[in-house]
């Protein structure tokens, strides 16, 4: 896991298929989106996820850019959703 920007993190999953990556992302979103304790001053944390999967020999920077683009699109569509880069 890597800190990318103020509110953006990247997670690289190695040796997993698309279905497993989607399931991990779904569970991560569900866990992180649960109601936060009142002492933190937040009622709900919203998570948007962009997924990219290796299909052949793809440059890692290209995969990251695809996933980042999908996450940006998820945020633009209202957030609290998951999109897969095509």
PDB file of N, CA and C in Angstrom:
ATOM      1  N   UNK A   1       0.864  -1.174   0.000  1.00  0.00           N
ATOM      2  CA  UNK A   1       0.000   0.000   0.000  1.00  0.00           C
ATOM      3  C   UNK A   1       0.899   1.222   0.000  1.00  0.00           C
ATOM      4  N   UNK A   2       0.485   2.254  -0.740  1.00  0.00           N
ATOM      5  CA  UNK A   2       1.289   3.469  -0.856  1.00  0.00           C
ATOM      6  C   UNK A   2       0.401   4.698  -0.734  1.00  0.00           C
ATOM      7  N   UNK A   3       0.915   5.701  -0.074  1.00  0.00           N
ATOM      8  CA  UNK A   3       0.266   7.008   0.018  1.00  0.00           C
ATOM      9  C   UNK A   3       0.604   7.752  -1.265  1.00  0.00           C
ATOM     10  N   UNK A   4      -0.428   8.180  -2.002  1.00  0.00           N
ATOM     11  CA  UNK A   4      -0.219   8.829  -3.287  1.00  0.00           C
ATOM     12  C   UNK A   4      -0.435  10.336  -3.199  1.00  0.00           C
ATOM     13  N   UNK A   5      -1.480  10.753  -2.518  1.00  0.00           N
ATOM     14  CA  UNK A   5      -1.809  12.178  -2.387  1.00  0.00           C
ATOM     15  C   UNK A   5      -2.650  12.357  -1.123  1.00  0.00           C
ATOM     16  N   UNK A   6      -3.117  13.580  -0.906  1.00  0.00           N
ATOM     17  CA  UNK A   6      -3.833  13.929   0.329  1.00  0.00           C
ATOM     18  C   UNK A   6      -4.897  12.917   0.736  1.00  0.00           C
ATOM     19  N   UNK A   7      -5.654  12.430  -0.202  1.00  0.00           N
ATOM     20  CA  UNK A   7      -6.720  11.480   0.122  1.00  0.00           C
ATOM     21  C   UNK A   7      -6.716  10.284  -0.823  1.00  0.00           C
ATOM     22  N   UNK A   8      -5.533   9.936  -1.323  1.00  0.00           N
ATOM     23  CA  UNK A   8      -5.422   8.871  -2.305  1.00  0.00           C
ATOM     24  C   UNK A   8      -4.333   7.883  -1.904  1.00  0.00           C
ATOM     25  N   UNK A   9      -4.709   6.613  -1.925  1.00  0.00           N
ATOM     26  CA  UNK A   9      -3.776   5.532  -1.630  1.00  0.00           C
ATOM     27  C   UNK A   9      -3.813   4.532  -2.770  1.00  0.00           C
ATOM     28  N   UNK A  10      -2.728   3.832  -2.966  1.00  0.00           N
ATOM     29  CA  UNK A  10      -2.669   2.777  -3.983  1.00  0.00           C
ATOM     30  C   UNK A  10      -2.344   1.457  -3.294  1.00  0.00           C
ATOM     31  N   UNK A  11      -2.962   0.409  -3.768  1.00  0.00           N
ATOM     32  CA  UNK A  11      -2.722  -0.932  -3.246  1.00  0.00           C
ATOM     33  C   UNK A  11      -2.408  -1.829  -4.432  1.00  0.00           C
ATOM     34  N   UNK A  12      -1.265  -2.487  -4.388  1.00  0.00           N
ATOM     35  CA  UNK A  12      -0.877  -3.396  -5.460  1.00  0.00           C
ATOM     36  C   UNK A  12      -1.101  -4.822  -4.979  1.00  0.00           C
ATOM     37  N   UNK A  13      -1.908  -5.546  -5.706  1.00  0.00           N
ATOM     38  CA  UNK A  13      -2.191  -6.947  -5.398  1.00  0.00           C
ATOM     39  C   UNK A  13      -1.424  -7.802  -6.394  1.00  0.00           C
ATOM     40  N   UNK A  14      -0.613  -8.716  -5.890  1.00  0.00           N
ATOM     41  CA  UNK A  14       0.240  -9.543  -6.740  1.00  0.00           C
ATOM     42  C   UNK A  14      -0.318 -10.965  -6.790  1.00  0.00           C
ATOM     43  N   UNK A  15      -0.289 -11.537  -7.978  1.00  0.00           N
ATOM     44  CA  UNK A  15      -0.718 -12.921  -8.199  1.00  0.00           C
ATOM     45  C   UNK A  15      -2.176 -13.165  -7.813  1.00  0.00           C
ATOM     46  N   UNK A  16      -3.051 -12.237  -8.173  1.00  0.00           N
ATOM     47  CA  UNK A  16      -4.489 -12.435  -7.970  1.00  0.00           C
ATOM     48  C   UNK A  16      -5.202 -12.222  -9.302  1.00  0.00           C
ATOM     49  N   UNK A  17      -6.295 -12.928  -9.500  1.00  0.00           N
ATOM     50  CA  UNK A  17      -7.070 -12.737 -10.719  1.00  0.00           C
ATOM     51  C   UNK A  17      -8.031 -11.555 -10.531  1.00  0.00           C
ATOM     52  N   UNK A  18      -8.715 -11.196 -11.597  1.00  0.00           N
ATOM     53  CA  UNK A  18      -9.624 -10.042 -11.553  1.00  0.00           C
ATOM     54  C   UNK A  18     -10.727 -10.214 -10.518  1.00  0.00           C
ATOM     55  N   UNK A  19     -11.283 -11.410 -10.461  1.00  0.00           N
ATOM     56  CA  UNK A  19     -12.369 -11.673  -9.512  1.00  0.00           C
ATOM     57  C   UNK A  19     -11.891 -11.457  -8.074  1.00  0.00           C
ATOM     58  N   UNK A  20     -10.722 -11.975  -7.746  1.00  0.00           N
ATOM     59  CA  UNK A  20     -10.178 -11.829  -6.399  1.00  0.00           C
ATOM     60  C   UNK A  20      -9.868 -10.370  -6.098  1.00  0.00           C
ATOM     61  N   UNK A  21      -9.289  -9.652  -7.069  1.00  0.00           N
ATOM     62  CA  UNK A  21      -8.993  -8.228  -6.874  1.00  0.00           C
ATOM     63  C   UNK A  21     -10.280  -7.448  -6.616  1.00  0.00           C
ATOM     64  N   UNK A  22     -11.326  -7.763  -7.367  1.00  0.00           N
ATOM     65  CA  UNK A  22     -12.609  -7.090  -7.174  1.00  0.00           C
ATOM     66  C   UNK A  22     -13.161  -7.399  -5.786  1.00  0.00           C
ATOM     67  N   UNK A  23     -13.088  -8.668  -5.372  1.00  0.00           N
ATOM     68  CA  UNK A  23     -13.603  -9.061  -4.061  1.00  0.00           C
ATOM     69  C   UNK A  23     -12.825  -8.382  -2.929  1.00  0.00           C
ATOM     70  N   UNK A  24     -11.511  -8.343  -3.034  1.00  0.00           N
ATOM     71  CA  UNK A  24     -10.702  -7.661  -2.016  1.00  0.00           C
ATOM     72  C   UNK A  24     -11.075  -6.186  -1.952  1.00  0.00           C
ATOM     73  N   UNK A  25     -11.213  -5.556  -3.103  1.00  0.00           N
ATOM     74  CA  UNK A  25     -11.584  -4.139  -3.140  1.00  0.00           C
ATOM     75  C   UNK A  25     -12.967  -3.905  -2.542  1.00  0.00           C
ATOM     76  N   UNK A  26     -13.903  -4.790  -2.855  1.00  0.00           N
ATOM     77  CA  UNK A  26     -15.256  -4.663  -2.308  1.00  0.00           C
ATOM     78  C   UNK A  26     -15.236  -4.778  -0.788  1.00  0.00           C
ATOM     79  N   UNK A  27     -14.498  -5.767  -0.265  1.00  0.00           N
ATOM     80  CA  UNK A  27     -14.424  -5.939   1.192  1.00  0.00           C
ATOM     81  C   UNK A  27     -13.696  -4.777   1.856  1.00  0.00           C
ATOM     82  N   UNK A  28     -12.653  -4.272   1.219  1.00  0.00           N
ATOM     83  CA  UNK A  28     -11.920  -3.126   1.759  1.00  0.00           C
ATOM     84  C   UNK A  28     -12.830  -1.894   1.828  1.00  0.00           C
ATOM     85  N   UNK A  29     -13.572  -1.656   0.757  1.00  0.00           N
ATOM     86  CA  UNK A  29     -14.519  -0.531   0.756  1.00  0.00           C
ATOM     87  C   UNK A  29     -15.555  -0.684   1.850  1.00  0.00           C
ATOM     88  N   UNK A  30     -16.109  -1.876   1.995  1.00  0.00           N
ATOM     89  CA  UNK A  30     -17.147  -2.110   3.010  1.00  0.00           C
ATOM     90  C   UNK A  30     -16.598  -1.866   4.409  1.00  0.00           C
ATOM     91  N   UNK A  31     -15.406  -2.366   4.671  1.00  0.00           N
ATOM     92  CA  UNK A  31     -14.812  -2.200   5.998  1.00  0.00           C
ATOM     93  C   UNK A  31     -14.493  -0.741   6.284  1.00  0.00           C
ATOM     94  N   UNK A  32     -13.883  -0.060   5.326  1.00  0.00           N
ATOM     95  CA  UNK A  32     -13.489   1.335   5.539  1.00  0.00           C
ATOM     96  C   UNK A  32     -14.668   2.301   5.500  1.00  0.00           C
ATOM     97  N   UNK A  33     -15.765   1.900   4.883  1.00  0.00           N
ATOM     98  CA  UNK A  33     -16.921   2.787   4.766  1.00  0.00           C
ATOM     99  C   UNK A  33     -17.876   2.694   5.946  1.00  0.00           C
ATOM    100  N   UNK A  34     -17.588   1.818   6.906  1.00  0.00           N
ATOM    101  CA  UNK A  34     -18.457   1.701   8.070  1.00  0.00           C
ATOM    102  C   UNK A  34     -18.471   3.022   8.839  1.00  0.00           C
ATOM    103  N   UNK A  35     -19.514   3.233   9.607  1.00  0.00           N
ATOM    104  CA  UNK A  35     -19.633   4.452  10.397  1.00  0.00           C
ATOM    105  C   UNK A  35     -18.427   4.575  11.328  1.00  0.00           C
ATOM    106  N   UNK A  36     -17.844   5.750  11.318  1.00  0.00           N
ATOM    107  CA  UNK A  36     -16.657   6.014  12.127  1.00  0.00           C
ATOM    108  C   UNK A  36     -17.073   6.406  13.546  1.00  0.00           C
ATOM    109  N   UNK A  37     -16.199   6.173  14.546  1.00  0.00           N
ATOM    110  CA  UNK A  37     -16.508   6.570  15.924  1.00  0.00           C
ATOM    111  C   UNK A  37     -16.710   8.084  16.026  1.00  0.00           C
ATOM    112  N   UNK A  38     -17.678   8.536  16.825  1.00  0.00           N
ATOM    113  CA  UNK A  38     -17.981   9.973  16.923  1.00  0.00           C
ATOM    114  C   UNK A  38     -16.784  10.822  17.343  1.00  0.00           C
ATOM    115  N   UNK A  39     -15.867  10.259  18.129  1.00  0.00           N
ATOM    116  CA  UNK A  39     -14.721  11.043  18.589  1.00  0.00           C
ATOM    117  C   UNK A  39     -13.777  11.444  17.453  1.00  0.00           C
ATOM    118  N   UNK A  40     -13.913  10.802  16.294  1.00  0.00           N
ATOM    119  CA  UNK A  40     -13.104  11.175  15.138  1.00  0.00           C
ATOM    120  C   UNK A  40     -13.711  12.348  14.374  1.00  0.00           C
ATOM    121  N   UNK A  41     -14.945  12.696  14.698  1.00  0.00           N
ATOM    122  CA  UNK A  41     -15.596  13.822  14.042  1.00  0.00           C
ATOM    123  C   UNK A  41     -16.141  13.514  12.663  1.00  0.00           C
ATOM    124  N   UNK A  42     -16.153  12.254  12.294  1.00  0.00           N
ATOM    125  CA  UNK A  42     -16.690  11.853  10.994  1.00  0.00           C
ATOM    126  C   UNK A  42     -17.890  10.946  11.203  1.00  0.00           C
ATOM    127  N   UNK A  43     -18.903  11.123  10.383  1.00  0.00           N
ATOM    128  CA  UNK A  43     -20.050  10.228  10.462  1.00  0.00           C
ATOM    129  C   UNK A  43     -19.886   9.038   9.534  1.00  0.00           C
ATOM    130  N   UNK A  44     -19.449   9.309   8.316  1.00  0.00           N
ATOM    131  CA  UNK A  44     -19.293   8.251   7.330  1.00  0.00           C
ATOM    132  C   UNK A  44     -18.050   8.547   6.484  1.00  0.00           C
ATOM    133  N   UNK A  45     -17.314   7.516   6.192  1.00  0.00           N
ATOM    134  CA  UNK A  45     -16.154   7.625   5.319  1.00  0.00           C
ATOM    135  C   UNK A  45     -16.535   6.993   3.990  1.00  0.00           C
ATOM    136  N   UNK A  46     -16.369   7.721   2.898  1.00  0.00           N
ATOM    137  CA  UNK A  46     -16.738   7.236   1.576  1.00  0.00           C
ATOM    138  C   UNK A  46     -15.472   6.833   0.815  1.00  0.00           C
ATOM    139  N   UNK A  47     -15.501   5.675   0.193  1.00  0.00           N
ATOM    140  CA  UNK A  47     -14.346   5.152  -0.523  1.00  0.00           C
ATOM    141  C   UNK A  47     -14.693   4.963  -1.996  1.00  0.00           C
ATOM    142  N   UNK A  48     -13.862   5.527  -2.873  1.00  0.00           N
ATOM    143  CA  UNK A  48     -13.975   5.281  -4.306  1.00  0.00           C
ATOM    144  C   UNK A  48     -12.759   4.475  -4.732  1.00  0.00           C
ATOM    145  N   UNK A  49     -12.971   3.469  -5.571  1.00  0.00           N
ATOM    146  CA  UNK A  49     -11.887   2.570  -5.979  1.00  0.00           C
ATOM    147  C   UNK A  49     -11.813   2.515  -7.497  1.00  0.00           C
ATOM    148  N   UNK A  50     -10.594   2.564  -8.010  1.00  0.00           N
ATOM    149  CA  UNK A  50     -10.339   2.333  -9.423  1.00  0.00           C
ATOM    150  C   UNK A  50      -9.475   1.096  -9.552  1.00  0.00           C
ATOM    151  N   UNK A  51      -9.883   0.148 -10.366  1.00  0.00           N
ATOM    152  CA  UNK A  51      -9.144  -1.106 -10.540  1.00  0.00           C
ATOM    153  C   UNK A  51      -8.547  -1.190 -11.935  1.00  0.00           C
ATOM    154  N   UNK A  52      -7.340  -1.725 -11.989  1.00  0.00           N
ATOM    155  CA  UNK A  52      -6.692  -2.037 -13.256  1.00  0.00           C
ATOM    156  C   UNK A  52      -6.054  -3.401 -13.093  1.00  0.00           C
ATOM    157  N   UNK A  53      -6.124  -4.235 -14.119  1.00  0.00           N
ATOM    158  CA  UNK A  53      -5.588  -5.594 -14.027  1.00  0.00           C
ATOM    159  C   UNK A  53      -4.651  -5.842 -15.194  1.00  0.00           C
ATOM    160  N   UNK A  54      -3.556  -6.498 -14.905  1.00  0.00           N
ATOM    161  CA  UNK A  54      -2.580  -6.834 -15.942  1.00  0.00           C
ATOM    162  C   UNK A  54      -3.199  -7.811 -16.924  1.00  0.00           C
ATOM    163  N   UNK A  55      -3.111  -7.470 -18.176  1.00  0.00           N
ATOM    164  CA  UNK A  55      -3.566  -8.399 -19.218  1.00  0.00           C
ATOM    165  C   UNK A  55      -2.482  -8.420 -20.293  1.00  0.00           C
ATOM    166  N   UNK A  56      -1.539  -9.281 -20.099  1.00  0.00           N
ATOM    167  CA  UNK A  56      -0.380  -9.313 -20.979  1.00  0.00           C
ATOM    168  C   UNK A  56       0.763  -8.541 -20.338  1.00  0.00           C
ATOM    169  N   UNK A  57       1.677  -8.098 -21.140  1.00  0.00           N
ATOM    170  CA  UNK A  57       2.831  -7.359 -20.628  1.00  0.00           C
ATOM    171  C   UNK A  57       2.543  -5.863 -20.683  1.00  0.00           C
ATOM    172  N   UNK A  58       2.029  -5.327 -19.577  1.00  0.00           N
ATOM    173  CA  UNK A  58       1.680  -3.915 -19.507  1.00  0.00           C
ATOM    174  C   UNK A  58       2.650  -3.213 -18.570  1.00  0.00           C
ATOM    175  N   UNK A  59       3.047  -2.033 -18.929  1.00  0.00           N
ATOM    176  CA  UNK A  59       3.921  -1.196 -18.104  1.00  0.00           C
ATOM    177  C   UNK A  59       3.215  -0.889 -16.777  1.00  0.00           C
ATOM    178  N   UNK A  60       3.880  -1.107 -15.633  1.00  0.00           N
ATOM    179  CA  UNK A  60       3.264  -0.810 -14.330  1.00  0.00           C
ATOM    180  C   UNK A  60       2.772   0.638 -14.213  1.00  0.00           C
ATOM    181  N   UNK A  61       3.495   1.572 -14.803  1.00  0.00           N
ATOM    182  CA  UNK A  61       3.062   2.970 -14.762  1.00  0.00           C
ATOM    183  C   UNK A  61       1.747   3.157 -15.512  1.00  0.00           C
ATOM    184  N   UNK A  62       1.589   2.406 -16.604  1.00  0.00           N
ATOM    185  CA  UNK A  62       0.337   2.463 -17.372  1.00  0.00           C
ATOM    186  C   UNK A  62      -0.816   1.870 -16.567  1.00  0.00           C
ATOM    187  N   UNK A  63      -0.548   0.761 -15.861  1.00  0.00           N
ATOM    188  CA  UNK A  63      -1.589   0.154 -15.021  1.00  0.00           C
ATOM    189  C   UNK A  63      -2.015   1.119 -13.920  1.00  0.00           C
ATOM    190  N   UNK A  64      -1.043   1.784 -13.290  1.00  0.00           N
ATOM    191  CA  UNK A  64      -1.359   2.746 -12.242  1.00  0.00           C
ATOM    192  C   UNK A  64      -2.184   3.892 -12.814  1.00  0.00           C
ATOM    193  N   UNK A  65      -1.786   4.408 -13.968  1.00  0.00           N
ATOM    194  CA  UNK A  65      -2.528   5.508 -14.600  1.00  0.00           C
ATOM    195  C   UNK A  65      -3.962   5.084 -14.915  1.00  0.00           C
ATOM    196  N   UNK A  66      -4.147   3.856 -15.404  1.00  0.00           N
ATOM    197  CA  UNK A  66      -5.496   3.350 -15.695  1.00  0.00           C
ATOM    198  C   UNK A  66      -6.342   3.258 -14.428  1.00  0.00           C
ATOM    199  N   UNK A  67      -5.757   2.711 -13.360  1.00  0.00           N
ATOM    200  CA  UNK A  67      -6.483   2.590 -12.092  1.00  0.00           C
ATOM    201  C   UNK A  67      -6.799   3.967 -11.517  1.00  0.00           C
ATOM    202  N   UNK A  68      -5.853   4.885 -11.604  1.00  0.00           N
ATOM    203  CA  UNK A  68      -6.072   6.243 -11.090  1.00  0.00           C
ATOM    204  C   UNK A  68      -7.181   6.933 -11.868  1.00  0.00           C
ATOM    205  N   UNK A  69      -7.191   6.746 -13.173  1.00  0.00           N
ATOM    206  CA  UNK A  69      -8.246   7.315 -14.004  1.00  0.00           C
ATOM    207  C   UNK A  69      -9.618   6.753 -13.647  1.00  0.00           C
ATOM    208  N   UNK A  70      -9.684   5.453 -13.402  1.00  0.00           N
ATOM    209  CA  UNK A  70     -10.957   4.822 -13.010  1.00  0.00           C
ATOM    210  C   UNK A  70     -11.415   5.351 -11.656  1.00  0.00           C
ATOM    211  N   UNK A  71     -10.473   5.533 -10.720  1.00  0.00           N
ATOM    212  CA  UNK A  71     -10.834   6.074  -9.406  1.00  0.00           C
ATOM    213  C   UNK A  71     -11.340   7.514  -9.542  1.00  0.00           C
ATOM    214  N   UNK A  72     -10.673   8.317 -10.383  1.00  0.00           N
ATOM    215  CA  UNK A  72     -11.114   9.691 -10.613  1.00  0.00           C
ATOM    216  C   UNK A  72     -12.526   9.697 -11.194  1.00  0.00           C
ATOM    217  N   UNK A  73     -12.793   8.826 -12.157  1.00  0.00           N
ATOM    218  CA  UNK A  73     -14.138   8.736 -12.741  1.00  0.00           C
ATOM    219  C   UNK A  73     -15.161   8.324 -11.684  1.00  0.00           C
ATOM    220  N   UNK A  74     -14.790   7.390 -10.794  1.00  0.00           N
ATOM    221  CA  UNK A  74     -15.700   6.964  -9.719  1.00  0.00           C
ATOM    222  C   UNK A  74     -16.037   8.143  -8.822  1.00  0.00           C
ATOM    223  N   UNK A  75     -15.058   8.957  -8.513  1.00  0.00           N
ATOM    224  CA  UNK A  75     -15.301  10.153  -7.681  1.00  0.00           C
ATOM    225  C   UNK A  75     -16.208  11.137  -8.408  1.00  0.00           C
ATOM    226  N   UNK A  76     -15.947  11.346  -9.701  1.00  0.00           N
ATOM    227  CA  UNK A  76     -16.739  12.291 -10.491  1.00  0.00           C
ATOM    228  C   UNK A  76     -18.199  11.851 -10.606  1.00  0.00           C
ATOM    229  N   UNK A  77     -18.441  10.545 -10.535  1.00  0.00           N
ATOM    230  CA  UNK A  77     -19.799  10.022 -10.624  1.00  0.00           C
ATOM    231  C   UNK A  77     -20.526  10.021  -9.283  1.00  0.00           C
ATOM    232  N   UNK A  78     -19.940  10.672  -8.294  1.00  0.00           N
ATOM    233  CA  UNK A  78     -20.602  10.794  -7.005  1.00  0.00           C
ATOM    234  C   UNK A  78     -19.878  10.099  -5.863  1.00  0.00           C
ATOM    235  N   UNK A  79     -18.816   9.389  -6.163  1.00  0.00           N
ATOM    236  CA  UNK A  79     -18.044   8.728  -5.121  1.00  0.00           C
ATOM    237  C   UNK A  79     -18.729   7.500  -4.568  1.00  0.00           C
ATOM    238  N   UNK A  80     -18.059   6.885  -3.593  1.00  0.00           N
ATOM    239  CA  UNK A  80     -18.574   5.675  -2.927  1.00  0.00           C
ATOM    240  C   UNK A  80     -18.917   4.582  -3.935  1.00  0.00           C
ATOM    241  N   UNK A  81     -18.012   4.404  -4.906  1.00  0.00           N
ATOM    242  CA  UNK A  81     -18.227   3.361  -5.917  1.00  0.00           C
ATOM    243  C   UNK A  81     -16.911   2.810  -6.400  1.00  0.00           C
ATOM    244  N   UNK A  82     -16.972   1.769  -7.189  1.00  0.00           N
ATOM    245  CA  UNK A  82     -15.801   1.098  -7.718  1.00  0.00           C
ATOM    246  C   UNK A  82     -15.943   1.004  -9.225  1.00  0.00           C
ATOM    247  N   UNK A  83     -14.891   1.394  -9.950  1.00  0.00           N
ATOM    248  CA  UNK A  83     -14.885   1.271 -11.410  1.00  0.00           C
ATOM    249  C   UNK A  83     -13.651   0.507 -11.842  1.00  0.00           C
ATOM    250  N   UNK A  84     -13.784  -0.256 -12.910  1.00  0.00           N
ATOM    251  CA  UNK A  84     -12.677  -1.032 -13.451  1.00  0.00           C
ATOM    252  C   UNK A  84     -12.225  -0.380 -14.750  1.00  0.00           C
ATOM    253  N   UNK A  85     -10.919  -0.124 -14.852  1.00  0.00           N
ATOM    254  CA  UNK A  85     -10.361   0.456 -16.087  1.00  0.00           C
ATOM    255  C   UNK A  85     -10.481  -0.551 -17.207  1.00  0.00           C
ATOM    256  N   UNK A  86     -10.848  -0.081 -18.380  1.00  0.00           N
ATOM    257  CA  UNK A  86     -10.989  -0.977 -19.535  1.00  0.00           C
ATOM    258  C   UNK A  86      -9.765  -0.908 -20.411  1.00  0.00           C
TER     259      UNK A  86
END
